[in-house]
Protein backbone atom coordinates (compact mmCIF):
# COMPACT_ATOMS: atom_id res chain seq x y z
CA UNK A 1 92.03 86.70 136.99
CA UNK A 2 89.11 88.69 135.57
CA UNK A 3 89.81 90.03 132.08
CA UNK A 4 87.93 92.29 129.64
CA UNK A 5 88.87 91.72 125.98
CA UNK A 6 87.98 94.58 123.64
CA UNK A 7 87.35 93.49 120.05
CA UNK A 8 85.78 90.16 119.08
CA UNK A 9 87.55 89.82 115.76
CA UNK A 10 90.19 87.21 115.05
CA UNK A 11 92.76 88.15 117.75
CA UNK A 12 90.15 89.03 120.37
CA UNK A 13 88.17 85.81 119.95
CA UNK A 14 91.25 83.62 120.13
CA UNK A 15 92.67 85.55 123.08
CA UNK A 16 89.42 85.52 125.03
CA UNK A 17 88.64 81.85 124.44
CA UNK A 18 92.18 80.72 125.25
CA UNK A 19 92.36 82.80 128.43
CA UNK A 20 89.05 81.26 129.50
CA UNK A 21 90.51 77.82 128.76
CA UNK A 22 93.33 78.72 131.16
CA UNK A 23 90.74 79.24 133.90
CA UNK A 24 90.31 83.03 133.79
CA UNK A 25 86.95 84.77 133.70
CA UNK A 26 86.67 86.70 130.44
CA UNK A 27 84.29 89.38 129.21
CA UNK A 28 84.36 90.02 125.47
CA UNK A 29 83.41 93.54 124.36
CA UNK A 30 82.37 94.54 120.86
CA UNK A 31 80.18 97.07 119.05
CA UNK A 32 78.59 94.30 116.94
CA UNK A 33 75.38 92.88 118.46
CA UNK A 34 75.74 89.84 116.16
CA UNK A 35 79.23 88.96 117.44
CA UNK A 36 78.13 89.42 121.05
CA UNK A 37 75.09 87.22 120.50
CA UNK A 38 77.16 84.51 118.79
CA UNK A 39 79.64 84.36 121.67
CA UNK A 40 76.87 84.20 124.27
CA UNK A 41 75.22 81.41 122.27
CA UNK A 42 78.50 79.47 122.39
CA UNK A 43 79.64 80.12 118.81
CA UNK A 44 82.78 81.75 117.44
CA UNK A 45 82.24 84.77 115.14
CA UNK A 46 85.43 83.82 113.26
CA UNK A 47 86.43 80.55 111.67
CA UNK A 48 89.59 79.12 113.19
CA UNK A 49 90.72 75.57 113.85
CA UNK A 50 89.66 74.48 117.35
CA UNK A 51 88.14 77.85 118.28
CA UNK A 52 84.45 76.92 118.03
CA UNK A 53 84.97 74.14 120.57
CA UNK A 54 86.93 76.40 122.91
CA UNK A 55 84.25 79.11 122.80
CA UNK A 56 81.44 76.60 123.35
CA UNK A 57 83.12 75.00 126.35
CA UNK A 58 84.13 78.33 127.89
CA UNK A 59 80.61 79.74 127.61
CA UNK A 60 79.08 76.53 128.92
CA UNK A 61 81.49 76.60 131.86
CA UNK A 62 80.60 80.20 132.70
CA UNK A 63 84.13 81.53 132.04
CA UNK A 64 83.37 83.47 128.84
CA UNK A 65 80.60 85.89 127.95
CA UNK A 66 80.22 88.95 125.77
CA UNK A 67 78.65 92.37 126.09
CA UNK A 68 78.05 95.61 124.21
CA UNK A 69 78.75 97.56 127.42
CA UNK A 70 82.41 98.47 128.08
CA UNK A 71 81.53 99.66 131.58
CA UNK A 72 79.95 96.31 132.46
CA UNK A 73 83.11 94.46 131.40
CA UNK A 74 85.68 96.80 132.98
CA UNK A 75 83.79 97.18 136.25
CA UNK A 76 84.45 93.57 137.23
CA UNK A 77 87.88 93.15 135.62
CA UNK A 78 91.45 93.32 136.87
CA UNK A 79 92.84 93.76 133.38
CA UNK A 80 91.59 95.03 130.00
CA UNK A 81 93.06 93.90 126.68
CA UNK A 82 92.65 95.94 123.50
CA UNK A 83 92.59 93.53 120.54
CA UNK A 84 90.95 95.70 117.87
CA UNK A 85 91.96 96.06 114.24
CA UNK A 86 94.41 98.67 112.92
CA UNK A 87 93.69 98.65 109.16
CA UNK A 88 95.58 100.70 106.59
CA UNK A 89 94.75 104.34 105.99
CA UNK A 90 94.71 105.69 102.44
CA UNK A 91 98.34 106.83 102.87
CA UNK A 92 99.43 103.39 104.14
CA UNK A 93 99.69 104.40 107.79
CA UNK A 94 97.95 102.46 110.56
CA UNK A 95 94.39 103.59 111.30
CA UNK A 96 94.13 103.88 115.09
CA UNK A 97 90.42 104.76 115.17
CA UNK A 98 89.37 101.52 116.88
CA UNK A 99 92.23 101.74 119.39
CA UNK A 100 91.22 105.28 120.33
CA UNK A 101 87.58 104.25 120.67
CA UNK A 102 88.41 101.29 122.92
CA UNK A 103 90.80 103.41 125.01
CA UNK A 104 88.15 106.09 125.46
CA UNK A 105 85.59 103.52 126.56
CA UNK A 106 87.98 101.87 129.01
CA UNK A 107 89.01 105.25 130.42
CA UNK A 108 85.40 106.31 130.96
CA UNK A 109 84.67 103.04 132.74
CA UNK A 110 87.76 103.49 134.97
CA UNK A 111 86.22 106.60 136.51
CA UNK A 112 84.04 104.29 138.58
CA UNK A 113 86.73 101.68 139.34
CA UNK A 114 88.67 102.24 142.56
CA UNK A 115 91.13 99.34 142.48
CA UNK A 116 94.30 99.31 140.36
CA UNK A 117 93.53 98.27 136.78
CA UNK A 118 95.92 97.23 134.00
CA UNK A 119 95.31 98.10 130.34
CA UNK A 120 97.14 95.93 127.79
CA UNK A 121 97.35 96.90 124.13
CA UNK A 122 97.74 93.88 121.82
CA UNK A 123 96.81 95.50 118.50
CA UNK A 124 99.67 96.10 116.07
CA UNK A 125 100.50 99.82 116.30
CA UNK A 126 103.37 102.14 115.25
CA UNK A 127 106.13 102.60 117.84
CA UNK A 128 105.23 105.43 120.18
CA UNK A 129 101.48 104.74 120.10
CA UNK A 130 101.25 103.40 123.65
CA UNK A 131 103.06 106.38 125.14
CA UNK A 132 101.85 109.19 122.88
CA UNK A 133 98.32 108.06 121.96
CA UNK A 134 96.98 105.36 124.28
CA UNK A 135 98.07 106.76 127.63
CA UNK A 136 96.93 110.37 126.97
CA UNK A 137 93.54 109.04 125.78
CA UNK A 138 93.15 106.87 128.88
CA UNK A 139 94.19 109.68 131.21
CA UNK A 140 91.88 112.20 129.54
CA UNK A 141 88.84 109.92 129.55
CA UNK A 142 89.44 108.45 133.02
CA UNK A 143 90.63 111.69 134.67
CA UNK A 144 93.30 109.60 136.34
CA UNK A 145 97.07 109.16 136.14
CA UNK A 146 98.81 106.26 134.39
CA UNK A 147 101.27 104.48 136.67
CA UNK A 148 99.48 105.65 139.80
CA UNK A 149 95.80 104.85 139.28
CA UNK A 150 96.11 102.35 136.44
CA UNK A 151 98.88 100.60 134.52
CA UNK A 152 99.57 100.33 130.79
CA UNK A 153 101.55 97.67 128.93
CA UNK A 154 101.99 96.71 125.30
CA UNK A 155 102.04 93.00 124.54
CA UNK A 156 102.14 91.92 120.87
CA UNK A 157 100.48 88.70 119.79
CA UNK A 158 102.22 86.13 117.60
CA UNK A 159 99.23 84.24 116.23
CA UNK A 160 99.01 82.75 112.75
CA UNK A 161 95.55 82.33 111.28
CA UNK A 162 94.85 78.63 110.87
CA UNK A 163 97.01 77.62 113.84
CA UNK A 164 96.37 80.44 116.30
CA UNK A 165 94.97 78.32 119.14
CA UNK A 166 98.11 76.19 119.17
CA UNK A 167 100.24 79.33 118.75
CA UNK A 168 98.57 80.93 121.77
CA UNK A 169 99.59 78.10 124.07
CA UNK A 170 102.99 77.55 122.40
CA UNK A 171 104.25 81.00 121.34
CA UNK A 172 107.80 81.57 120.06
CA UNK A 173 108.25 84.27 122.70
CA UNK A 174 106.39 86.43 125.19
CA UNK A 175 107.10 90.16 124.97
CA UNK A 176 105.91 92.71 127.54
CA UNK A 177 106.30 96.41 126.86
CA UNK A 178 106.99 97.70 130.35
CA UNK A 179 104.69 100.29 131.88
CA UNK A 180 104.95 99.88 135.65
CA UNK A 181 106.08 97.12 138.05
CA UNK A 182 102.58 96.20 139.20
CA UNK A 183 101.28 95.68 135.67
CA UNK A 184 104.35 93.71 134.59
CA UNK A 185 103.97 91.45 137.63
CA UNK A 186 100.30 90.95 136.79
CA UNK A 187 101.08 89.99 133.18
CA UNK A 188 103.90 87.66 134.20
CA UNK A 189 101.44 85.90 136.49
CA UNK A 190 98.87 85.73 133.68
CA UNK A 191 101.32 84.02 131.33
CA UNK A 192 103.06 81.97 134.00
CA UNK A 193 101.91 78.61 132.59
CA UNK A 194 102.89 79.51 129.00
CA UNK A 195 106.37 78.16 128.38
CA UNK A 196 108.25 80.57 126.12
CA UNK A 197 111.24 82.94 126.35
CA UNK A 198 110.13 86.08 128.19
CA UNK A 199 111.30 89.58 127.23
CA UNK A 200 110.39 92.60 129.36
CA UNK A 201 111.31 95.72 127.44
CA UNK A 202 110.14 99.24 126.64
CA UNK A 203 106.83 100.08 124.98
CA UNK A 204 108.54 101.20 121.78
CA UNK A 205 110.75 98.11 121.45
CA UNK A 206 107.76 95.81 122.00
CA UNK A 207 105.73 97.73 119.40
CA UNK A 208 108.57 97.49 116.90
CA UNK A 209 109.11 93.75 117.44
CA UNK A 210 105.69 92.97 115.97
CA UNK A 211 106.44 94.97 112.81
CA UNK A 212 109.86 93.33 112.56
CA UNK A 213 108.24 89.87 112.63
CA UNK A 214 105.58 90.58 110.01
CA UNK A 215 107.90 92.52 107.71
CA UNK A 216 110.36 89.62 107.75
CA UNK A 217 107.64 87.07 107.03
CA UNK A 218 106.49 89.12 104.05
CA UNK A 219 110.09 89.58 102.91
CA UNK A 220 110.72 85.82 103.03
CA UNK A 221 107.68 85.08 100.90
CA UNK A 222 108.60 87.78 98.40
CA UNK A 223 112.19 86.55 98.30
CA UNK A 224 111.17 82.95 97.65
CA UNK A 225 108.75 84.00 94.91
CA UNK A 226 111.27 86.22 93.11
CA UNK A 227 113.92 83.51 93.34
CA UNK A 228 111.39 81.00 92.03
CA UNK A 229 110.57 83.21 89.05
CA UNK A 230 114.26 83.58 88.18
CA UNK A 231 114.86 79.84 88.61
CA UNK A 232 112.00 79.00 86.27
CA UNK A 233 113.45 81.34 83.64
CA UNK A 234 116.76 79.43 83.91
CA UNK A 235 115.12 76.02 83.81
CA UNK A 236 116.01 75.31 87.45
CA UNK A 237 113.72 73.55 89.95
CA UNK A 238 113.20 76.30 92.53
CA UNK A 239 111.76 73.91 95.11
CA UNK A 240 114.88 71.76 95.00
CA UNK A 241 116.97 74.91 95.46
CA UNK A 242 114.89 75.97 98.46
CA UNK A 243 114.88 72.51 100.02
CA UNK A 244 118.67 72.73 100.16
CA UNK A 245 118.63 76.38 101.20
CA UNK A 246 116.33 75.85 104.20
CA UNK A 247 118.55 73.14 105.67
CA UNK A 248 120.62 76.01 107.06
CA UNK A 249 118.87 76.37 110.41
CA UNK A 250 121.59 78.58 111.87
CA UNK A 251 121.40 81.53 109.47
CA UNK A 252 118.16 81.18 107.56
CA UNK A 253 116.12 80.68 110.75
CA UNK A 254 112.89 79.24 109.36
CA UNK A 255 111.62 77.26 106.38
CA UNK A 256 107.99 78.17 106.89
CA UNK A 257 107.75 81.04 104.40
CA UNK A 258 110.55 80.06 102.06
CA UNK A 259 108.44 78.15 99.57
CA UNK A 260 108.01 79.62 96.08
CA UNK A 261 104.30 79.89 95.40
CA UNK A 262 101.57 82.49 95.14
CA UNK A 263 101.64 86.06 96.45
CA UNK A 264 101.24 86.84 100.15
CA UNK A 265 98.19 88.61 101.55
CA UNK A 266 95.87 88.67 104.53
CA UNK A 267 95.04 91.21 107.23
CA UNK A 268 98.57 91.53 108.66
CA UNK A 269 101.55 91.37 106.30
CA UNK A 270 100.45 93.92 103.65
CA UNK A 271 99.08 96.49 106.07
CA UNK A 272 102.00 96.20 108.47
CA UNK A 273 104.52 96.61 105.65
CA UNK A 274 102.64 99.72 104.47
CA UNK A 275 102.59 101.06 108.02
CA UNK A 276 106.30 100.36 108.53
CA UNK A 277 107.15 102.21 105.29
CA UNK A 278 104.94 105.08 106.45
CA UNK A 279 106.75 105.12 109.79
CA UNK A 280 110.06 105.28 107.92
CA UNK A 281 108.87 108.20 105.77
CA UNK A 282 107.66 110.07 108.85
CA UNK A 283 111.07 109.55 110.44
CA UNK A 284 112.87 110.72 107.30
CA UNK A 285 114.31 107.25 106.66
CA UNK A 286 114.33 105.77 103.16
CA UNK A 287 113.39 102.06 103.19
CA UNK A 288 113.66 100.91 99.56
CA UNK A 289 113.96 97.21 100.41
CA UNK A 290 110.79 97.10 102.52
CA UNK A 291 108.92 99.27 100.02
CA UNK A 292 109.99 96.98 97.20
CA UNK A 293 108.55 93.90 98.93
CA UNK A 294 105.00 95.11 98.29
CA UNK A 295 105.95 96.05 94.73
CA UNK A 296 107.49 92.61 94.27
CA UNK A 297 104.33 90.99 95.63
CA UNK A 298 102.18 93.01 93.22
CA UNK A 299 104.46 92.00 90.35
CA UNK A 300 104.10 88.35 91.35
CA UNK A 301 100.33 88.73 91.30
CA UNK A 302 100.57 90.31 87.84
CA UNK A 303 102.82 87.44 86.74
CA UNK A 304 100.10 84.97 87.73
CA UNK A 305 97.42 87.01 85.96
CA UNK A 306 99.47 87.20 82.76
CA UNK A 307 100.08 83.44 82.89
CA UNK A 308 96.32 82.82 82.94
CA UNK A 309 95.42 85.40 80.30
CA UNK A 310 98.16 84.07 78.00
CA UNK A 311 96.14 80.88 77.54
CA UNK A 312 93.63 82.87 75.51
CA UNK A 313 90.76 81.03 77.21
CA UNK A 314 87.65 82.82 78.48
CA UNK A 315 86.17 80.39 81.03
CA UNK A 316 88.35 80.37 84.16
CA UNK A 317 87.78 78.35 87.33
CA UNK A 318 89.58 79.37 90.52
CA UNK A 319 90.06 76.91 93.39
CA UNK A 320 90.76 78.72 96.64
CA UNK A 321 89.76 82.19 97.76
CA UNK A 322 90.91 82.68 101.35
CA UNK A 323 94.34 84.14 102.00
CA UNK A 324 95.45 81.14 104.04
CA UNK A 325 94.44 77.54 104.66
CA UNK A 326 92.17 76.70 107.63
CA UNK A 327 90.60 80.15 107.84
CA UNK A 328 87.71 81.92 106.10
CA UNK A 329 89.51 85.27 106.06
CA UNK A 330 89.36 86.97 102.65
CA UNK A 331 90.92 90.31 103.61
CA UNK A 332 93.61 91.31 101.09
CA UNK A 333 93.64 87.74 99.79
CA UNK A 334 95.81 87.48 96.66
CA UNK A 335 93.23 85.05 95.24
CA UNK A 336 90.53 87.72 95.56
CA UNK A 337 92.82 90.22 93.83
CA UNK A 338 93.46 87.69 91.06
CA UNK A 339 89.74 87.06 90.54
CA UNK A 340 89.11 90.80 90.40
CA UNK A 341 91.77 91.21 87.68
CA UNK A 342 90.32 88.34 85.66
CA UNK A 343 86.84 89.87 85.84
CA UNK A 344 88.26 93.21 84.73
CA UNK A 345 89.81 91.37 81.77
CA UNK A 346 86.27 90.24 80.79
CA UNK A 347 86.82 86.58 81.64
CA UNK A 348 83.98 84.32 82.79
CA UNK A 349 85.05 83.30 86.29
CA UNK A 350 83.77 80.66 88.68
CA UNK A 351 85.34 80.26 92.12
CA UNK A 352 85.10 77.58 94.77
CA UNK A 353 86.40 77.43 98.32
CA UNK A 354 84.76 75.08 100.86
CA UNK A 355 85.88 77.39 103.66
CA UNK A 356 83.87 80.36 102.39
CA UNK A 357 80.20 80.61 103.30
CA UNK A 358 78.64 83.94 102.46
CA UNK A 359 76.21 83.78 105.38
CA UNK A 360 79.15 83.41 107.80
CA UNK A 361 81.08 86.48 106.66
CA UNK A 362 81.12 89.20 109.32
CA UNK A 363 82.70 92.54 110.17
CA UNK A 364 85.85 93.57 108.32
CA UNK A 365 85.80 90.32 106.33
CA UNK A 366 82.34 91.08 104.94
CA UNK A 367 83.20 94.75 104.37
CA UNK A 368 86.26 93.75 102.34
CA UNK A 369 84.20 91.49 100.06
CA UNK A 370 81.53 94.14 99.53
CA UNK A 371 84.20 96.71 98.66
CA UNK A 372 86.68 94.67 96.61
CA UNK A 373 84.71 91.73 95.21
CA UNK A 374 80.98 92.58 95.22
CA UNK A 375 80.31 90.02 92.47
CA UNK A 376 81.31 87.12 94.76
CA UNK A 377 77.71 85.94 95.42
CA UNK A 378 77.24 85.58 91.66
CA UNK A 379 80.47 83.76 90.82
CA UNK A 380 80.84 81.57 93.93
CA UNK A 381 80.13 77.93 93.05
CA UNK A 382 78.60 75.40 95.42
CA UNK A 383 80.89 72.51 94.52
CA UNK A 384 84.24 71.70 92.99
CA UNK A 385 82.78 69.63 90.09
CA UNK A 386 80.67 72.65 89.15
CA UNK A 387 83.84 74.71 88.64
CA UNK A 388 85.78 71.93 86.89
CA UNK A 389 82.92 71.26 84.49
CA UNK A 390 82.43 74.91 83.56
CA UNK A 391 86.08 75.86 83.01
CA UNK A 392 88.58 75.77 80.18
CA UNK A 393 91.34 76.77 82.61
CA UNK A 394 91.43 75.68 86.26
CA UNK A 395 93.63 77.79 88.55
CA UNK A 396 94.67 76.43 91.95
CA UNK A 397 95.36 79.33 94.32
CA UNK A 398 95.01 77.64 97.70
CA UNK A 399 95.62 74.42 99.62
CA UNK A 400 92.75 72.08 100.45
CA UNK A 401 92.58 68.26 100.29
CA UNK A 402 89.47 68.53 98.13
CA UNK A 403 91.39 70.42 95.44
CA UNK A 404 93.99 67.67 95.03
CA UNK A 405 91.31 65.10 94.35
CA UNK A 406 89.24 67.46 92.25
CA UNK A 407 91.84 68.11 89.59
CA UNK A 408 91.85 64.37 88.91
CA UNK A 409 88.51 64.92 87.19
CA UNK A 410 89.93 67.31 84.61
CA UNK A 411 89.68 66.19 81.00
CA UNK A 412 92.00 66.37 78.02
CA UNK A 413 92.12 69.87 76.63
CA UNK A 414 91.61 71.61 79.97
CA UNK A 415 94.55 73.59 81.33
CA UNK A 416 95.64 73.43 84.97
CA UNK A 417 97.54 76.44 86.27
CA UNK A 418 99.06 75.59 89.64
CA UNK A 419 100.03 78.61 91.74
CA UNK A 420 100.92 76.67 94.91
CA UNK A 421 102.60 73.51 93.53
CA UNK A 422 100.33 70.58 94.23
CA UNK A 423 102.05 67.22 94.87
CA UNK A 424 103.10 65.99 91.42
CA UNK A 425 101.46 62.60 91.97
CA UNK A 426 98.09 64.38 92.23
CA UNK A 427 98.30 66.20 88.91
CA UNK A 428 97.02 64.34 85.84
CA UNK A 429 99.22 64.81 82.76
CA UNK A 430 96.14 65.20 80.58
CA UNK A 431 95.38 68.50 82.36
CA UNK A 432 98.39 70.29 80.77
CA UNK A 433 99.75 71.54 84.13
CA UNK A 434 101.54 74.90 84.15
CA UNK A 435 103.39 76.23 87.23
CA UNK A 436 104.04 79.78 88.32
CA UNK A 437 107.59 79.48 89.69
CA UNK A 438 108.47 75.97 88.58
């Protein structure tokens, strides 16, 4: 099958490279000349485990290429996938600017396409977007009729940064928001080799499923962190509590997020919770529990900040900056927010994360750093010993094998504040370890 993938960010790159690996011919479309050039040179614009190799092999095999021209990509495709970002607006709602732009470009290209074409929206959008926003935009720009001249489906992705390539080929489920029989048949054929429960439903149900997933993941993290904070106040080992709690596989579903630790962040959970609360307000529905999850997360971040400031020390080293292991994504990272608060408190901060290379930051990732942490080039250290040697307090905010070994070099008098709970055997007693929820 010939496929055009709009958006060469995280989801688009993974989707395009994996579809090419499945034997399909894929055109990637983006407005960034740099991303297009990187793909065509066989490199991934985003850092993700296994993705660089997939992109390289797909380009070398002639199954993946990229272009700045939407018409060039759509002209030879059977199916177009919209995988662009839907960041938060100032009011918390989902910003559909990139979706509208991609839809307009696809529609314009469809004016010169005579065969039946399927448009698939994969971006996370509020329920009703496919029917009330996407289809009218496509029809207006193409001057054609959805269902007759082209098909439209919504298909959410269930990819976790750091393991998205594996998740693509082994998803928990496949959900198709039904537009028309021809398009559903085409998508079922596309995903035929992917073994997962298949659900064919309405556009609105499929759109809501993605929000349900991300809201629950955020809720689980917030729940575990609040429980951990209470347990610490009572002198109870929260991790022992949760190890028993997660053995219930029938009711508690998953142990993945139920680990007391640092705040949640990233490009999905915060923005999708804000959007879901905005959707509730627009529908006249009060959602105090969902709204409180973000407040709880902010309070947990403040709890960590207060723990550090309470030491009275001025020189702070922070190990870990990305929002999640095995990615270089800094968007809405709680570690970035923590560093920002420490700088505002007039502390001398040094940070180190081997996954962050300033010259590799692109697109929304780079824009986030420039907006929220413009001092990063000045405070980013080149090595872990540099941070350890310059700090009175060392704060571990992320997981990396290098961090576990690095704290072994701490000396007597230095304070180790562990926000993720390193293995106890890796923490030297001389470092005066202090936990956040334990």
